[in-house]
Amino acid sequence: MPLIPLYGHDALRARLAEQADRGALPASLLLTGPAGVGKQRLALWLGARLLCEAAERPCGTCQHCRYAAELQHPDLRWFFPRARIPNSSDIAVEEVQQEYDEAVRERVEARGLYARPDGSAGIFVYVTRLLVQLASRSPAMARRKVFVVGDAERMAPQASSQEAANAFLKLLEEPPADTTLILTSSEPGSLLPTIRSRVVTVRVAPVAEAPMRRFLTDEAGTGALPNEPVEVLLGLAGGAPGLLIGSDERAAAVARARQMLAAADAGREQALRAAFTSGSARARGAFTDVLDALTVLLHERARDATARGDDAAATRAVRAVPAVEEAKRAAEGNANPQLVTARLLGELSGVHA
């Protein structure tokens, strides 16, 4: 079964395609944007387009496109966070490749609809070694090869293997002429500076409403999305369809966001107490999910207040959104989630005073 089609990002796709057609596409790209907006799916689409040799690319029917759609193309490789392989200090790259072949098959069987990796998953040094080795080889079928590295902020620090770290950085800086590397990250501030300095960053915006509706009514998503009306899912996703996958994690993020709002409504003292007793030593990605849910809840609060004619309450909710967005930017860096929460709830309690 092929991956679910890529929905949205039409303007960005046109820009990337135009750059590729005139040979101006950077060899090392970093796609950034909110979690769940489809950065990895966009990267795979771009990879398929680069491998396709038809006049209109990607044509969807040639051998390259068919193999790419099922992630069977030997010149399109996808790496993403996984649990650490036990006893991996001297693991052979062939074993790492087998591990990722199986992981990619699992994602293909799910049509590319998968929950976000948990906080223990990472991209470890043995993956870097495999990627560098594959990049040194000639393409197997196409005229070039493409590597997609999803959630690149999860790349483990490679101080234990400086040789591997240097080889990867050199690959990013000067990839072979027949090689394109596409990294994605929802938290670019967490990327190693040595990586950020060697890639060209492209911002991926949330998906617009019309393509979101097409995604939500695609039969390929049956069973992977929460059993809620389309209008509810639109509000929950906020233009990020990936946030709807893994509904348990999403429900936990919404519940935590509701707790934060309740604490802010109770006043500054209660808000600060909640911030420092919330046990926020959780994965940074999960914390970002909570902030995304908080934005959605504030928009809902503003709409509800407007509907009942309470303009003051609607204004307060709207004024709170920039504070949440600032917290998201802080969370993209190395800021402590607990301190970010304390500052945010302090500001929200002031807005709601």
Protein backbone atom coordinates (compact mmCIF):
# COMPACT_ATOMS: atom_id res chain seq x y z
CA MET A 1 0.00 0.00 0.00
CA PRO A 2 1.38 3.44 -0.90
CA LEU A 3 1.70 6.29 1.57
CA ILE A 4 -1.26 8.59 2.03
CA PRO A 5 -0.98 11.52 -0.44
CA LEU A 6 0.61 14.78 0.64
CA TYR A 7 -2.10 17.35 1.31
CA GLY A 8 -1.46 21.10 1.20
CA HIS A 9 1.79 23.09 1.00
CA ASP A 10 1.07 23.87 -2.66
CA ALA A 11 2.99 27.16 -2.76
CA LEU A 12 6.02 25.68 -1.03
CA ARG A 13 5.96 22.64 -3.29
CA ALA A 14 5.89 24.89 -6.33
CA ARG A 15 8.85 26.89 -5.01
CA LEU A 16 10.91 23.78 -4.25
CA ALA A 17 10.04 22.29 -7.64
CA GLU A 18 11.08 25.48 -9.43
CA GLN A 19 14.40 25.50 -7.61
CA ALA A 20 14.99 21.85 -8.46
CA ASP A 21 14.17 22.40 -12.14
CA ARG A 22 16.75 25.16 -12.52
CA GLY A 23 19.36 23.35 -10.44
CA ALA A 24 19.17 25.80 -7.54
CA LEU A 25 17.83 23.48 -4.85
CA PRO A 26 20.25 23.39 -1.88
CA ALA A 27 21.93 20.02 -1.44
CA SER A 28 21.35 20.10 2.34
CA LEU A 29 17.92 21.32 3.48
CA LEU A 30 16.26 21.72 6.86
CA LEU A 31 12.45 21.79 6.88
CA THR A 32 11.17 23.40 10.08
CA GLY A 33 7.70 24.17 11.34
CA PRO A 34 5.15 23.11 13.96
CA ALA A 35 4.91 19.46 14.87
CA GLY A 36 2.50 17.47 12.72
CA VAL A 37 2.29 19.78 9.68
CA GLY A 38 3.74 17.10 7.38
CA LYS A 39 7.42 18.03 7.12
CA GLN A 40 8.61 14.44 6.68
CA ARG A 41 5.85 13.67 4.19
CA LEU A 42 6.83 16.80 2.26
CA ALA A 43 10.48 15.69 2.33
CA LEU A 44 9.51 12.28 0.91
CA TRP A 45 7.46 13.98 -1.80
CA LEU A 46 10.45 16.12 -2.72
CA GLY A 47 12.64 13.02 -2.75
CA ALA A 48 10.26 11.28 -5.14
CA ARG A 49 10.24 14.33 -7.39
CA LEU A 50 14.02 14.45 -7.50
CA LEU A 51 14.19 10.78 -8.50
CA CYS A 52 11.44 10.92 -11.13
CA GLU A 53 12.67 11.37 -14.71
CA ALA A 54 9.36 12.18 -16.41
CA ALA A 55 8.52 15.54 -17.95
CA GLU A 56 5.96 16.30 -15.22
CA ARG A 57 7.44 15.36 -11.85
CA PRO A 58 6.53 13.46 -9.82
CA CYS A 59 4.51 11.64 -12.44
CA GLY A 60 3.26 8.98 -10.04
CA THR A 61 3.36 6.23 -12.65
CA CYS A 62 7.01 5.60 -13.56
CA GLN A 63 9.05 2.94 -11.82
CA HIS A 64 10.84 5.52 -9.68
CA CYS A 65 7.55 7.02 -8.49
CA ARG A 66 5.92 3.67 -7.80
CA TYR A 67 8.86 2.50 -5.73
CA ALA A 68 9.09 5.84 -3.91
CA ALA A 69 5.35 5.81 -3.07
CA GLU A 70 5.83 2.50 -1.26
CA LEU A 71 9.25 3.51 0.14
CA GLN A 72 10.88 0.68 -1.78
CA HIS A 73 13.21 2.86 -3.83
CA PRO A 74 16.85 2.05 -3.01
CA ASP A 75 17.87 5.67 -3.66
CA LEU A 76 15.33 7.20 -1.25
CA ARG A 77 16.25 6.50 2.37
CA TRP A 78 14.30 7.63 5.43
CA PHE A 79 15.75 7.80 8.94
CA PHE A 80 13.90 8.87 12.08
CA PRO A 81 14.08 8.41 15.86
CA ARG A 82 14.00 4.83 17.09
CA ALA A 83 14.69 3.10 20.39
CA ARG A 84 18.39 2.44 20.87
CA ILE A 85 19.46 -0.96 19.57
CA PRO A 86 20.84 -3.01 22.49
CA ASN A 87 24.58 -3.71 22.51
CA SER A 88 25.07 -1.32 19.60
CA SER A 89 28.59 -0.12 20.37
CA ASP A 90 30.06 -2.26 17.59
CA ILE A 91 26.95 -3.10 15.58
CA ALA A 92 27.41 -3.68 11.84
CA VAL A 93 25.81 -1.13 9.51
CA GLU A 94 23.99 -4.00 7.78
CA GLU A 95 22.12 -4.73 11.00
CA VAL A 96 21.21 -1.06 11.35
CA GLN A 97 19.89 -1.07 7.78
CA GLN A 98 17.73 -4.12 8.55
CA GLU A 99 16.35 -2.37 11.63
CA TYR A 100 15.35 0.67 9.58
CA ASP A 101 13.99 -1.41 6.71
CA GLU A 102 11.58 -2.99 9.19
CA ALA A 103 10.72 0.37 10.77
CA VAL A 104 9.95 1.90 7.37
CA ARG A 105 7.79 -1.12 6.47
CA GLU A 106 5.76 -0.51 9.62
CA ARG A 107 5.16 3.10 8.63
CA VAL A 108 4.22 2.09 5.09
CA GLU A 109 1.71 -0.44 6.42
CA ALA A 110 0.17 2.43 8.38
CA ARG A 111 0.05 4.50 5.14
CA GLY A 112 2.51 6.96 6.70
CA LEU A 113 0.16 7.78 9.59
CA TYR A 114 2.19 7.27 12.73
CA ALA A 115 2.37 8.65 16.26
CA ARG A 116 5.25 10.84 17.29
CA PRO A 117 8.22 8.87 18.70
CA ASP A 118 8.40 8.97 22.48
CA GLY A 119 11.10 10.82 24.37
CA SER A 120 13.40 7.79 24.62
CA ALA A 121 13.78 7.42 20.86
CA GLY A 122 16.73 8.98 19.08
CA ILE A 123 18.97 8.98 16.02
CA PHE A 124 22.13 7.38 17.32
CA VAL A 125 25.72 7.31 16.14
CA TYR A 126 25.34 4.00 14.31
CA VAL A 127 22.65 5.60 12.13
CA THR A 128 25.06 8.40 11.25
CA ARG A 129 27.67 5.84 10.22
CA LEU A 130 25.15 4.06 7.99
CA LEU A 131 23.98 7.31 6.38
CA VAL A 132 27.54 8.43 5.60
CA GLN A 133 28.36 5.04 4.12
CA LEU A 134 25.25 4.99 1.92
CA ALA A 135 25.95 8.53 0.73
CA SER A 136 29.39 7.46 -0.50
CA ARG A 137 27.89 4.90 -2.87
CA SER A 138 26.60 5.49 -6.41
CA PRO A 139 22.82 5.57 -6.92
CA ALA A 140 21.32 2.10 -7.44
CA MET A 141 18.52 3.00 -9.88
CA ALA A 142 18.07 6.73 -10.33
CA ARG A 143 20.51 9.45 -11.29
CA ARG A 144 20.75 10.65 -7.71
CA LYS A 145 19.98 9.59 -4.15
CA VAL A 146 18.01 11.34 -1.42
CA PHE A 147 18.23 10.97 2.36
CA VAL A 148 15.44 12.16 4.66
CA VAL A 149 16.27 12.55 8.37
CA GLY A 150 13.10 13.21 10.37
CA ASP A 151 13.07 14.85 13.82
CA ALA A 152 16.74 15.68 13.37
CA GLU A 153 16.85 17.41 16.77
CA ARG A 154 16.83 13.88 18.21
CA MET A 155 20.29 13.18 16.84
CA ALA A 156 22.30 12.04 19.84
CA PRO A 157 25.46 14.05 20.63
CA GLN A 158 28.32 12.24 18.98
CA ALA A 159 31.18 13.18 21.28
CA SER A 160 31.80 9.48 21.85
CA SER A 161 32.58 9.12 18.17
CA GLN A 162 34.18 12.29 16.88
CA GLU A 163 35.11 10.57 13.65
CA ALA A 164 31.47 9.79 12.86
CA ALA A 165 30.40 13.31 13.87
CA ASN A 166 32.99 14.91 11.59
CA ALA A 167 32.06 12.63 8.70
CA PHE A 168 28.37 13.59 9.00
CA LEU A 169 29.14 17.29 9.20
CA LYS A 170 31.37 17.04 6.14
CA LEU A 171 28.56 15.21 4.33
CA LEU A 172 26.13 18.03 5.16
CA GLU A 173 28.60 20.69 4.08
CA GLU A 174 29.80 19.04 0.89
CA PRO A 175 27.48 16.20 -0.14
CA PRO A 176 28.32 14.28 -3.32
CA ALA A 177 26.97 15.90 -6.48
CA ASP A 178 24.36 13.15 -6.83
CA THR A 179 23.09 13.44 -3.22
CA THR A 180 20.40 15.52 -1.50
CA LEU A 181 19.94 15.56 2.28
CA ILE A 182 16.64 16.74 3.76
CA LEU A 183 16.44 17.15 7.53
CA THR A 184 13.22 18.04 9.35
CA SER A 185 12.72 19.47 12.82
CA SER A 186 9.91 20.89 14.93
CA GLU A 187 12.49 22.18 17.39
CA PRO A 188 15.32 23.66 15.29
CA GLY A 189 16.72 25.47 18.32
CA SER A 190 17.60 22.07 19.76
CA LEU A 191 19.70 21.11 16.77
CA LEU A 192 23.44 21.16 17.18
CA PRO A 193 24.76 24.54 15.95
CA THR A 194 27.28 22.70 13.78
CA ILE A 195 24.36 21.13 11.92
CA ARG A 196 22.26 24.31 11.63
CA SER A 197 25.18 26.17 10.09
CA ARG A 198 25.49 23.64 7.28
CA VAL A 199 21.89 23.51 6.02
CA VAL A 200 19.49 25.91 4.31
CA THR A 201 16.35 26.32 6.44
CA VAL A 202 12.88 26.26 4.86
CA ARG A 203 9.80 27.03 6.95
CA VAL A 204 6.78 24.73 6.53
CA ALA A 205 3.50 26.39 7.52
CA PRO A 206 0.37 24.65 8.86
CA VAL A 207 -1.94 23.06 6.29
CA ALA A 208 -4.78 25.27 5.06
CA GLU A 209 -8.40 24.36 5.80
CA ALA A 210 -9.36 23.02 2.35
CA PRO A 211 -6.55 20.44 2.10
CA MET A 212 -7.07 19.60 5.79
CA ARG A 213 -10.67 18.67 4.99
CA ARG A 214 -9.49 16.48 2.11
CA PHE A 215 -7.05 14.75 4.43
CA LEU A 216 -9.70 14.15 7.07
CA THR A 217 -12.07 12.54 4.54
CA ASP A 218 -9.42 10.35 2.89
CA GLU A 219 -10.35 6.71 3.47
CA ALA A 220 -6.67 5.91 3.97
CA GLY A 221 -6.90 7.60 7.36
CA THR A 222 -9.75 5.39 8.59
CA GLY A 223 -8.82 3.92 11.93
CA ALA A 224 -5.81 6.18 12.47
CA LEU A 225 -7.78 9.33 13.39
CA PRO A 226 -9.96 9.95 16.46
CA ASN A 227 -13.62 9.15 15.98
CA GLU A 228 -14.79 12.75 16.03
CA PRO A 229 -16.66 14.99 13.55
CA VAL A 230 -14.54 16.73 10.93
CA GLU A 231 -15.18 20.14 12.49
CA VAL A 232 -13.84 18.94 15.85
CA LEU A 233 -10.77 17.39 14.22
CA LEU A 234 -10.09 20.61 12.33
CA GLY A 235 -9.99 22.52 15.61
CA LEU A 236 -7.83 19.95 17.35
CA ALA A 237 -5.31 19.76 14.50
CA GLY A 238 -4.91 23.47 13.93
CA GLY A 239 -3.46 22.80 10.49
CA ALA A 240 -1.20 19.98 11.74
CA PRO A 241 -2.77 16.66 10.71
CA GLY A 242 -0.01 14.67 12.39
CA LEU A 243 -1.21 15.88 15.80
CA LEU A 244 -4.32 13.75 15.36
CA ILE A 245 -2.30 10.53 15.19
CA GLY A 246 -1.73 8.94 18.58
CA SER A 247 -4.96 10.20 20.13
CA ASP A 248 -4.01 9.08 23.65
CA GLU A 249 -0.99 11.37 23.67
CA ARG A 250 -3.07 14.15 22.14
CA ALA A 251 -5.80 13.69 24.79
CA ALA A 252 -3.15 13.89 27.53
CA ALA A 253 -1.80 17.13 26.02
CA VAL A 254 -5.29 18.65 25.88
CA ALA A 255 -5.97 17.62 29.49
CA ARG A 256 -2.70 19.22 30.63
CA ALA A 257 -3.52 22.38 28.65
CA ARG A 258 -6.93 22.59 30.36
CA GLN A 259 -5.22 22.28 33.76
CA MET A 260 -2.88 25.12 32.86
CA LEU A 261 -5.80 27.35 31.86
CA ALA A 262 -7.66 26.53 35.08
CA ALA A 263 -4.57 27.40 37.12
CA ALA A 264 -4.17 30.71 35.26
CA ASP A 265 -7.85 31.53 35.83
CA ALA A 266 -7.37 30.92 39.57
CA GLY A 267 -4.82 33.73 39.84
CA ARG A 268 -1.07 34.28 39.75
CA GLU A 269 -0.27 32.50 43.04
CA GLN A 270 -2.17 29.36 42.03
CA ALA A 271 -0.65 29.50 38.54
CA LEU A 272 2.92 29.61 39.83
CA ARG A 273 2.24 26.84 42.32
CA ALA A 274 0.86 24.68 39.51
CA ALA A 275 3.90 25.38 37.32
CA PHE A 276 6.39 24.20 39.94
CA THR A 277 4.41 21.13 41.06
CA SER A 278 3.47 19.87 37.59
CA GLY A 279 6.37 17.42 37.22
CA SER A 280 7.38 18.94 33.91
CA ALA A 281 10.45 16.71 33.43
CA ARG A 282 8.82 15.30 30.33
CA ALA A 283 10.06 15.03 26.76
CA ARG A 284 10.39 18.44 25.13
CA GLY A 285 8.20 17.24 22.24
CA ALA A 286 5.36 16.37 24.67
CA PHE A 287 5.64 19.81 26.26
CA THR A 288 5.34 21.43 22.85
CA ASP A 289 2.19 19.36 22.24
CA VAL A 290 0.69 20.83 25.41
CA LEU A 291 1.43 24.36 24.20
CA ASP A 292 -0.14 23.58 20.83
CA ALA A 293 -3.26 22.32 22.60
CA LEU A 294 -3.30 25.45 24.76
CA THR A 295 -3.38 27.64 21.64
CA VAL A 296 -6.36 25.67 20.32
CA LEU A 297 -8.21 25.98 23.64
CA LEU A 298 -7.65 29.74 23.75
CA HIS A 299 -9.06 30.12 20.24
CA GLU A 300 -12.07 28.02 21.27
CA ARG A 301 -12.53 30.19 24.35
CA ALA A 302 -12.44 33.33 22.20
CA ARG A 303 -15.04 31.92 19.77
CA ASP A 304 -17.34 30.83 22.60
CA ALA A 305 -17.08 34.22 24.31
CA THR A 306 -17.83 36.03 21.08
CA ALA A 307 -20.87 33.79 20.44
CA ARG A 308 -22.38 34.69 23.82
CA GLY A 309 -21.55 38.39 23.42
CA ASP A 310 -18.81 38.54 26.07
CA ASP A 311 -16.35 40.73 24.16
CA ALA A 312 -14.12 41.27 27.21
CA ALA A 313 -13.56 37.52 27.69
CA ALA A 314 -12.93 37.08 23.96
CA THR A 315 -10.34 39.86 24.02
CA ARG A 316 -8.56 38.31 27.01
CA ALA A 317 -8.34 34.94 25.26
CA VAL A 318 -6.97 36.49 22.08
CA ARG A 319 -4.41 38.53 24.07
CA ALA A 320 -3.17 35.32 25.71
CA VAL A 321 -2.24 33.62 22.42
CA PRO A 322 1.01 35.60 21.80
CA ALA A 323 2.27 34.53 25.25
CA VAL A 324 1.76 30.88 24.29
CA GLU A 325 3.52 31.40 20.97
CA GLU A 326 6.47 32.97 22.79
CA ALA A 327 6.56 29.93 25.08
CA LYS A 328 6.68 27.69 22.01
CA ARG A 329 9.69 29.58 20.70
CA ALA A 330 11.40 29.19 24.07
CA ALA A 331 10.57 25.48 24.05
CA GLU A 332 12.26 25.11 20.66
CA GLY A 333 15.53 26.01 22.35
CA ASN A 334 17.03 24.57 25.47
CA ALA A 335 14.79 26.39 27.95
CA ASN A 336 13.64 24.39 30.97
CA PRO A 337 9.96 23.42 30.43
CA GLN A 338 9.18 24.09 34.11
CA LEU A 339 10.54 27.64 33.93
CA VAL A 340 8.75 28.24 30.62
CA THR A 341 5.52 27.02 32.24
CA ALA A 342 6.00 29.29 35.25
CA ARG A 343 6.55 32.35 33.08
CA LEU A 344 3.66 31.48 30.78
CA LEU A 345 1.15 30.87 33.58
CA GLY A 346 2.25 34.05 35.29
CA GLU A 347 1.52 35.99 32.10
CA LEU A 348 -1.79 34.19 31.52
CA SER A 349 -2.95 34.88 35.07
CA GLY A 350 -2.19 38.57 34.47
CA VAL A 351 -4.18 38.52 31.22
CA HIS A 352 -7.12 36.92 32.96
CA ALA A 353 -6.97 39.13 36.05
